[in-house]
């Protein structure tokens, strides 16, 4: 569901071979275990971000893809090709993370975003001309800033925390590659980030 949400999907149909999971989600079965309640609530909350969401039960014999993925998760992953991407969950998704919201302040996108959204330019004339010139290569779609290019698709601009996460995902991890600087930069561009 998180992957579909990040892809900005509006309609989602999910399948499960567990009747218990489907009935818990629909509210037909009572959830007594606190963890089960927490997972069902998380799925219900996530389903609200879609215009339509449908969870259906299918027989185990019709769920070959999920079986293959579950076997893949427990198999050796060092010989995988680039067609399958795995994410390691470090903690259960229902655990509450205690954190304080920190204002990151301004980053390289702040002046461009201020100009594109509000038309605000810095008082320095030279800096204002620089911002106007650079802003022609950027656009804002649904609150996210993208860099336009003639020969590439729109590249999503990342703030400091998102940059760190993108670098970790491409450079480290169980399926990551250990690339040099230029190769790493091109790999991130191919993933659709700037």
C-alpha atoms as a PDB file:
ATOM      1  CA  UNK A   1       0.000   0.000   0.000  1.00  0.00           C
ATOM      2  CA  UNK A   2       2.896   2.343   0.754  1.00  0.00           C
ATOM      3  CA  UNK A   3       4.432   1.630  -2.645  1.00  0.00           C
ATOM      4  CA  UNK A   4       1.118   2.327  -4.396  1.00  0.00           C
ATOM      5  CA  UNK A   5       0.720   5.533  -2.383  1.00  0.00           C
ATOM      6  CA  UNK A   6       4.234   6.701  -3.309  1.00  0.00           C
ATOM      7  CA  UNK A   7       3.347   6.061  -6.959  1.00  0.00           C
ATOM      8  CA  UNK A   8       0.266   8.250  -6.403  1.00  0.00           C
ATOM      9  CA  UNK A   9      -2.157   5.467  -7.321  1.00  0.00           C
ATOM     10  CA  UNK A  10      -5.793   6.452  -6.830  1.00  0.00           C
ATOM     11  CA  UNK A  11      -7.463   3.034  -7.058  1.00  0.00           C
ATOM     12  CA  UNK A  12      -5.997  -0.103  -5.511  1.00  0.00           C
ATOM     13  CA  UNK A  13      -7.150  -3.706  -5.443  1.00  0.00           C
ATOM     14  CA  UNK A  14      -5.236  -6.029  -3.115  1.00  0.00           C
ATOM     15  CA  UNK A  15      -5.508  -9.766  -2.682  1.00  0.00           C
ATOM     16  CA  UNK A  16      -4.801 -12.028   0.277  1.00  0.00           C
ATOM     17  CA  UNK A  17      -4.956 -15.768   0.625  1.00  0.00           C
ATOM     18  CA  UNK A  18      -5.795 -15.374   4.319  1.00  0.00           C
ATOM     19  CA  UNK A  19      -9.505 -15.214   5.055  1.00  0.00           C
ATOM     20  CA  UNK A  20      -8.643 -14.022   8.573  1.00  0.00           C
ATOM     21  CA  UNK A  21      -6.783 -10.957   7.257  1.00  0.00           C
ATOM     22  CA  UNK A  22      -9.601 -10.033   4.867  1.00  0.00           C
ATOM     23  CA  UNK A  23     -12.320 -10.476   7.507  1.00  0.00           C
ATOM     24  CA  UNK A  24     -10.340  -8.448  10.064  1.00  0.00           C
ATOM     25  CA  UNK A  25      -9.978  -5.615   7.564  1.00  0.00           C
ATOM     26  CA  UNK A  26     -13.682  -5.673   6.705  1.00  0.00           C
ATOM     27  CA  UNK A  27     -14.617  -5.747  10.397  1.00  0.00           C
ATOM     28  CA  UNK A  28     -16.487  -9.034  10.110  1.00  0.00           C
ATOM     29  CA  UNK A  29     -14.173 -10.769  12.590  1.00  0.00           C
ATOM     30  CA  UNK A  30     -13.371  -9.401  16.017  1.00  0.00           C
ATOM     31  CA  UNK A  31      -9.759  -8.603  16.747  1.00  0.00           C
ATOM     32  CA  UNK A  32      -8.768  -9.582  20.244  1.00  0.00           C
ATOM     33  CA  UNK A  33      -5.000  -9.456  19.937  1.00  0.00           C
ATOM     34  CA  UNK A  34      -3.637  -5.881  20.277  1.00  0.00           C
ATOM     35  CA  UNK A  35      -1.103  -6.432  17.469  1.00  0.00           C
ATOM     36  CA  UNK A  36      -3.842  -7.650  15.124  1.00  0.00           C
ATOM     37  CA  UNK A  37      -5.945  -4.593  15.997  1.00  0.00           C
ATOM     38  CA  UNK A  38      -2.993  -2.312  15.341  1.00  0.00           C
ATOM     39  CA  UNK A  39      -2.260  -3.864  11.937  1.00  0.00           C
ATOM     40  CA  UNK A  40      -5.932  -3.752  10.894  1.00  0.00           C
ATOM     41  CA  UNK A  41      -6.146  -0.089  11.961  1.00  0.00           C
ATOM     42  CA  UNK A  42      -2.982   0.728  10.011  1.00  0.00           C
ATOM     43  CA  UNK A  43      -4.381  -0.889   6.858  1.00  0.00           C
ATOM     44  CA  UNK A  44      -7.716   0.944   7.297  1.00  0.00           C
ATOM     45  CA  UNK A  45      -5.897   4.280   7.729  1.00  0.00           C
ATOM     46  CA  UNK A  46      -3.712   3.604   4.690  1.00  0.00           C
ATOM     47  CA  UNK A  47      -6.766   2.672   2.608  1.00  0.00           C
ATOM     48  CA  UNK A  48      -8.203   6.167   3.163  1.00  0.00           C
ATOM     49  CA  UNK A  49      -5.475   7.656   0.981  1.00  0.00           C
ATOM     50  CA  UNK A  50      -6.982   5.953  -2.090  1.00  0.00           C
ATOM     51  CA  UNK A  51     -10.222   6.873  -3.845  1.00  0.00           C
ATOM     52  CA  UNK A  52     -11.122   3.206  -3.938  1.00  0.00           C
ATOM     53  CA  UNK A  53      -9.505   0.328  -2.072  1.00  0.00           C
ATOM     54  CA  UNK A  54     -10.616  -3.281  -2.266  1.00  0.00           C
ATOM     55  CA  UNK A  55      -9.165  -6.215  -0.343  1.00  0.00           C
ATOM     56  CA  UNK A  56     -10.298  -9.598  -1.647  1.00  0.00           C
ATOM     57  CA  UNK A  57      -9.588 -13.162  -0.665  1.00  0.00           C
ATOM     58  CA  UNK A  58      -8.188 -15.555  -3.244  1.00  0.00           C
ATOM     59  CA  UNK A  59      -7.360 -19.208  -2.873  1.00  0.00           C
ATOM     60  CA  UNK A  60      -3.825 -20.259  -2.026  1.00  0.00           C
ATOM     61  CA  UNK A  61      -3.543 -22.022  -5.383  1.00  0.00           C
ATOM     62  CA  UNK A  62      -4.097 -18.671  -7.156  1.00  0.00           C
ATOM     63  CA  UNK A  63      -1.487 -16.849  -5.116  1.00  0.00           C
ATOM     64  CA  UNK A  64       1.684 -18.068  -6.857  1.00  0.00           C
ATOM     65  CA  UNK A  65       3.278 -14.585  -6.997  1.00  0.00           C
ATOM     66  CA  UNK A  66       3.007 -14.064  -3.247  1.00  0.00           C
ATOM     67  CA  UNK A  67       4.389 -17.552  -2.637  1.00  0.00           C
ATOM     68  CA  UNK A  68       7.348 -16.804  -4.897  1.00  0.00           C
ATOM     69  CA  UNK A  69       8.021 -13.524  -3.085  1.00  0.00           C
ATOM     70  CA  UNK A  70       7.820 -15.182   0.320  1.00  0.00           C
ATOM     71  CA  UNK A  71      10.326 -17.834  -0.805  1.00  0.00           C
ATOM     72  CA  UNK A  72      12.553 -15.115  -2.231  1.00  0.00           C
ATOM     73  CA  UNK A  73      12.571 -13.252   1.070  1.00  0.00           C
ATOM     74  CA  UNK A  74      14.013 -16.271   2.862  1.00  0.00           C
ATOM     75  CA  UNK A  75      16.431 -17.252   0.075  1.00  0.00           C
ATOM     76  CA  UNK A  76      19.949 -16.071  -0.596  1.00  0.00           C
ATOM     77  CA  UNK A  77      19.654 -12.587  -2.095  1.00  0.00           C
ATOM     78  CA  UNK A  78      23.198 -12.018  -3.274  1.00  0.00           C
ATOM     79  CA  UNK A  79      22.582 -13.478  -6.749  1.00  0.00           C
ATOM     80  CA  UNK A  80      19.477 -11.431  -7.583  1.00  0.00           C
ATOM     81  CA  UNK A  81      19.311  -9.436 -10.777  1.00  0.00           C
ATOM     82  CA  UNK A  82      18.107  -5.825 -10.857  1.00  0.00           C
ATOM     83  CA  UNK A  83      14.511  -6.854 -11.637  1.00  0.00           C
ATOM     84  CA  UNK A  84      13.558  -7.419  -7.990  1.00  0.00           C
ATOM     85  CA  UNK A  85      14.005  -4.761  -5.335  1.00  0.00           C
ATOM     86  CA  UNK A  86      13.831  -5.684  -1.683  1.00  0.00           C
ATOM     87  CA  UNK A  87      13.424  -3.420   1.313  1.00  0.00           C
ATOM     88  CA  UNK A  88      14.448  -4.616   4.724  1.00  0.00           C
ATOM     89  CA  UNK A  89      11.975  -3.684   7.451  1.00  0.00           C
ATOM     90  CA  UNK A  90      14.047  -2.849  10.509  1.00  0.00           C
ATOM     91  CA  UNK A  91      11.051  -2.766  12.849  1.00  0.00           C
ATOM     92  CA  UNK A  92       7.351  -3.699  12.709  1.00  0.00           C
ATOM     93  CA  UNK A  93       5.272  -1.097  10.909  1.00  0.00           C
ATOM     94  CA  UNK A  94       2.835  -0.802  13.807  1.00  0.00           C
ATOM     95  CA  UNK A  95       5.412   0.359  16.350  1.00  0.00           C
ATOM     96  CA  UNK A  96       5.006   4.017  17.150  1.00  0.00           C
ATOM     97  CA  UNK A  97       8.077   6.042  16.472  1.00  0.00           C
ATOM     98  CA  UNK A  98       8.652   8.788  18.971  1.00  0.00           C
ATOM     99  CA  UNK A  99      10.128  11.771  17.244  1.00  0.00           C
ATOM    100  CA  UNK A 100       9.990  15.504  17.335  1.00  0.00           C
ATOM    101  CA  UNK A 101       9.374  17.483  14.217  1.00  0.00           C
ATOM    102  CA  UNK A 102      12.460  19.477  13.373  1.00  0.00           C
ATOM    103  CA  UNK A 103      12.422  22.394  11.016  1.00  0.00           C
ATOM    104  CA  UNK A 104      15.171  21.655   8.531  1.00  0.00           C
ATOM    105  CA  UNK A 105      15.473  25.344   7.792  1.00  0.00           C
ATOM    106  CA  UNK A 106      16.243  26.282   4.264  1.00  0.00           C
ATOM    107  CA  UNK A 107      17.991  24.090   1.758  1.00  0.00           C
ATOM    108  CA  UNK A 108      18.914  24.592  -1.873  1.00  0.00           C
ATOM    109  CA  UNK A 109      15.248  24.250  -2.942  1.00  0.00           C
ATOM    110  CA  UNK A 110      13.820  26.939  -0.631  1.00  0.00           C
ATOM    111  CA  UNK A 111      14.541  30.026  -2.807  1.00  0.00           C
ATOM    112  CA  UNK A 112      13.355  28.234  -5.954  1.00  0.00           C
ATOM    113  CA  UNK A 113      10.211  26.960  -4.214  1.00  0.00           C
ATOM    114  CA  UNK A 114       9.450  30.447  -2.823  1.00  0.00           C
ATOM    115  CA  UNK A 115       9.711  31.911  -6.314  1.00  0.00           C
ATOM    116  CA  UNK A 116       7.712  29.176  -8.051  1.00  0.00           C
ATOM    117  CA  UNK A 117       4.916  29.039  -5.450  1.00  0.00           C
ATOM    118  CA  UNK A 118       4.682  32.610  -4.172  1.00  0.00           C
ATOM    119  CA  UNK A 119       6.740  34.733  -6.566  1.00  0.00           C
ATOM    120  CA  UNK A 120       9.069  35.803  -3.745  1.00  0.00           C
ATOM    121  CA  UNK A 121      12.598  36.749  -4.750  1.00  0.00           C
ATOM    122  CA  UNK A 122      15.578  37.608  -2.524  1.00  0.00           C
ATOM    123  CA  UNK A 123      16.340  41.335  -2.125  1.00  0.00           C
ATOM    124  CA  UNK A 124      19.751  41.029  -3.780  1.00  0.00           C
ATOM    125  CA  UNK A 125      19.256  41.806  -7.482  1.00  0.00           C
ATOM    126  CA  UNK A 126      22.004  39.493  -8.675  1.00  0.00           C
ATOM    127  CA  UNK A 127      20.692  36.587  -6.582  1.00  0.00           C
ATOM    128  CA  UNK A 128      17.130  37.282  -7.799  1.00  0.00           C
ATOM    129  CA  UNK A 129      18.236  37.030 -11.449  1.00  0.00           C
ATOM    130  CA  UNK A 130      19.999  33.759 -10.664  1.00  0.00           C
ATOM    131  CA  UNK A 131      16.841  32.342  -9.063  1.00  0.00           C
ATOM    132  CA  UNK A 132      14.672  33.430 -12.025  1.00  0.00           C
ATOM    133  CA  UNK A 133      17.067  31.798 -14.464  1.00  0.00           C
ATOM    134  CA  UNK A 134      17.312  28.529 -12.512  1.00  0.00           C
ATOM    135  CA  UNK A 135      13.539  28.376 -11.845  1.00  0.00           C
ATOM    136  CA  UNK A 136      12.828  27.856 -15.537  1.00  0.00           C
ATOM    137  CA  UNK A 137      14.190  24.305 -15.175  1.00  0.00           C
ATOM    138  CA  UNK A 138      11.918  23.399 -12.261  1.00  0.00           C
ATOM    139  CA  UNK A 139       8.223  22.847 -11.695  1.00  0.00           C
ATOM    140  CA  UNK A 140       5.988  22.016  -8.740  1.00  0.00           C
ATOM    141  CA  UNK A 141       3.414  19.253  -9.087  1.00  0.00           C
ATOM    142  CA  UNK A 142       1.205  18.269  -6.132  1.00  0.00           C
ATOM    143  CA  UNK A 143       3.488  20.081  -3.702  1.00  0.00           C
ATOM    144  CA  UNK A 144       6.649  18.323  -4.887  1.00  0.00           C
ATOM    145  CA  UNK A 145       9.413  20.029  -6.806  1.00  0.00           C
ATOM    146  CA  UNK A 146      10.694  18.403 -10.017  1.00  0.00           C
ATOM    147  CA  UNK A 147      13.533  19.275 -12.360  1.00  0.00           C
ATOM    148  CA  UNK A 148      12.654  19.364 -16.049  1.00  0.00           C
ATOM    149  CA  UNK A 149      15.006  18.148 -18.740  1.00  0.00           C
ATOM    150  CA  UNK A 150      14.888  17.874 -22.494  1.00  0.00           C
ATOM    151  CA  UNK A 151      16.117  14.285 -22.699  1.00  0.00           C
ATOM    152  CA  UNK A 152      15.032  12.851 -19.324  1.00  0.00           C
ATOM    153  CA  UNK A 153      11.745  12.458 -17.475  1.00  0.00           C
ATOM    154  CA  UNK A 154      10.860  14.759 -14.593  1.00  0.00           C
ATOM    155  CA  UNK A 155      13.319  14.236 -11.744  1.00  0.00           C
ATOM    156  CA  UNK A 156      12.008  14.635  -8.208  1.00  0.00           C
ATOM    157  CA  UNK A 157      14.054  17.054  -6.099  1.00  0.00           C
ATOM    158  CA  UNK A 158      15.004  15.730  -2.675  1.00  0.00           C
ATOM    159  CA  UNK A 159      15.490  17.511   0.618  1.00  0.00           C
ATOM    160  CA  UNK A 160      18.441  16.647   2.863  1.00  0.00           C
ATOM    161  CA  UNK A 161      16.776  13.703   4.626  1.00  0.00           C
ATOM    162  CA  UNK A 162      15.403  12.259   1.366  1.00  0.00           C
ATOM    163  CA  UNK A 163      18.873  12.608  -0.187  1.00  0.00           C
ATOM    164  CA  UNK A 164      20.374  10.549   2.630  1.00  0.00           C
ATOM    165  CA  UNK A 165      17.693   7.871   2.235  1.00  0.00           C
ATOM    166  CA  UNK A 166      18.165   7.708  -1.559  1.00  0.00           C
ATOM    167  CA  UNK A 167      21.926   7.359  -1.183  1.00  0.00           C
ATOM    168  CA  UNK A 168      21.514   4.633   1.419  1.00  0.00           C
ATOM    169  CA  UNK A 169      19.012   2.749  -0.746  1.00  0.00           C
ATOM    170  CA  UNK A 170      21.250   2.833  -3.816  1.00  0.00           C
ATOM    171  CA  UNK A 171      24.673   2.540  -2.163  1.00  0.00           C
ATOM    172  CA  UNK A 172      24.105   0.353   0.901  1.00  0.00           C
ATOM    173  CA  UNK A 173      21.733  -2.360   2.045  1.00  0.00           C
ATOM    174  CA  UNK A 174      21.369  -6.010   1.272  1.00  0.00           C
ATOM    175  CA  UNK A 175      20.884  -5.471  -2.468  1.00  0.00           C
ATOM    176  CA  UNK A 176      22.883  -2.272  -2.761  1.00  0.00           C
ATOM    177  CA  UNK A 177      25.894  -1.709  -4.912  1.00  0.00           C
ATOM    178  CA  UNK A 178      29.092  -0.061  -3.854  1.00  0.00           C
ATOM    179  CA  UNK A 179      29.558   2.499  -6.611  1.00  0.00           C
ATOM    180  CA  UNK A 180      31.963   5.350  -7.159  1.00  0.00           C
ATOM    181  CA  UNK A 181      30.708   8.943  -7.062  1.00  0.00           C
ATOM    182  CA  UNK A 182      29.827   9.498 -10.715  1.00  0.00           C
ATOM    183  CA  UNK A 183      28.233   6.048 -11.122  1.00  0.00           C
ATOM    184  CA  UNK A 184      26.262   6.592  -7.927  1.00  0.00           C
ATOM    185  CA  UNK A 185      24.983   9.971  -9.177  1.00  0.00           C
ATOM    186  CA  UNK A 186      23.851   8.472 -12.493  1.00  0.00           C
ATOM    187  CA  UNK A 187      22.181   5.577 -10.676  1.00  0.00           C
ATOM    188  CA  UNK A 188      20.166   8.048  -8.576  1.00  0.00           C
ATOM    189  CA  UNK A 189      19.215   9.963 -11.740  1.00  0.00           C
ATOM    190  CA  UNK A 190      17.989   6.708 -13.317  1.00  0.00           C
ATOM    191  CA  UNK A 191      15.842   6.120 -10.223  1.00  0.00           C
ATOM    192  CA  UNK A 192      14.086   9.447 -11.004  1.00  0.00           C
ATOM    193  CA  UNK A 193      15.646  11.743  -8.391  1.00  0.00           C
ATOM    194  CA  UNK A 194      17.708  14.932  -8.650  1.00  0.00           C
END
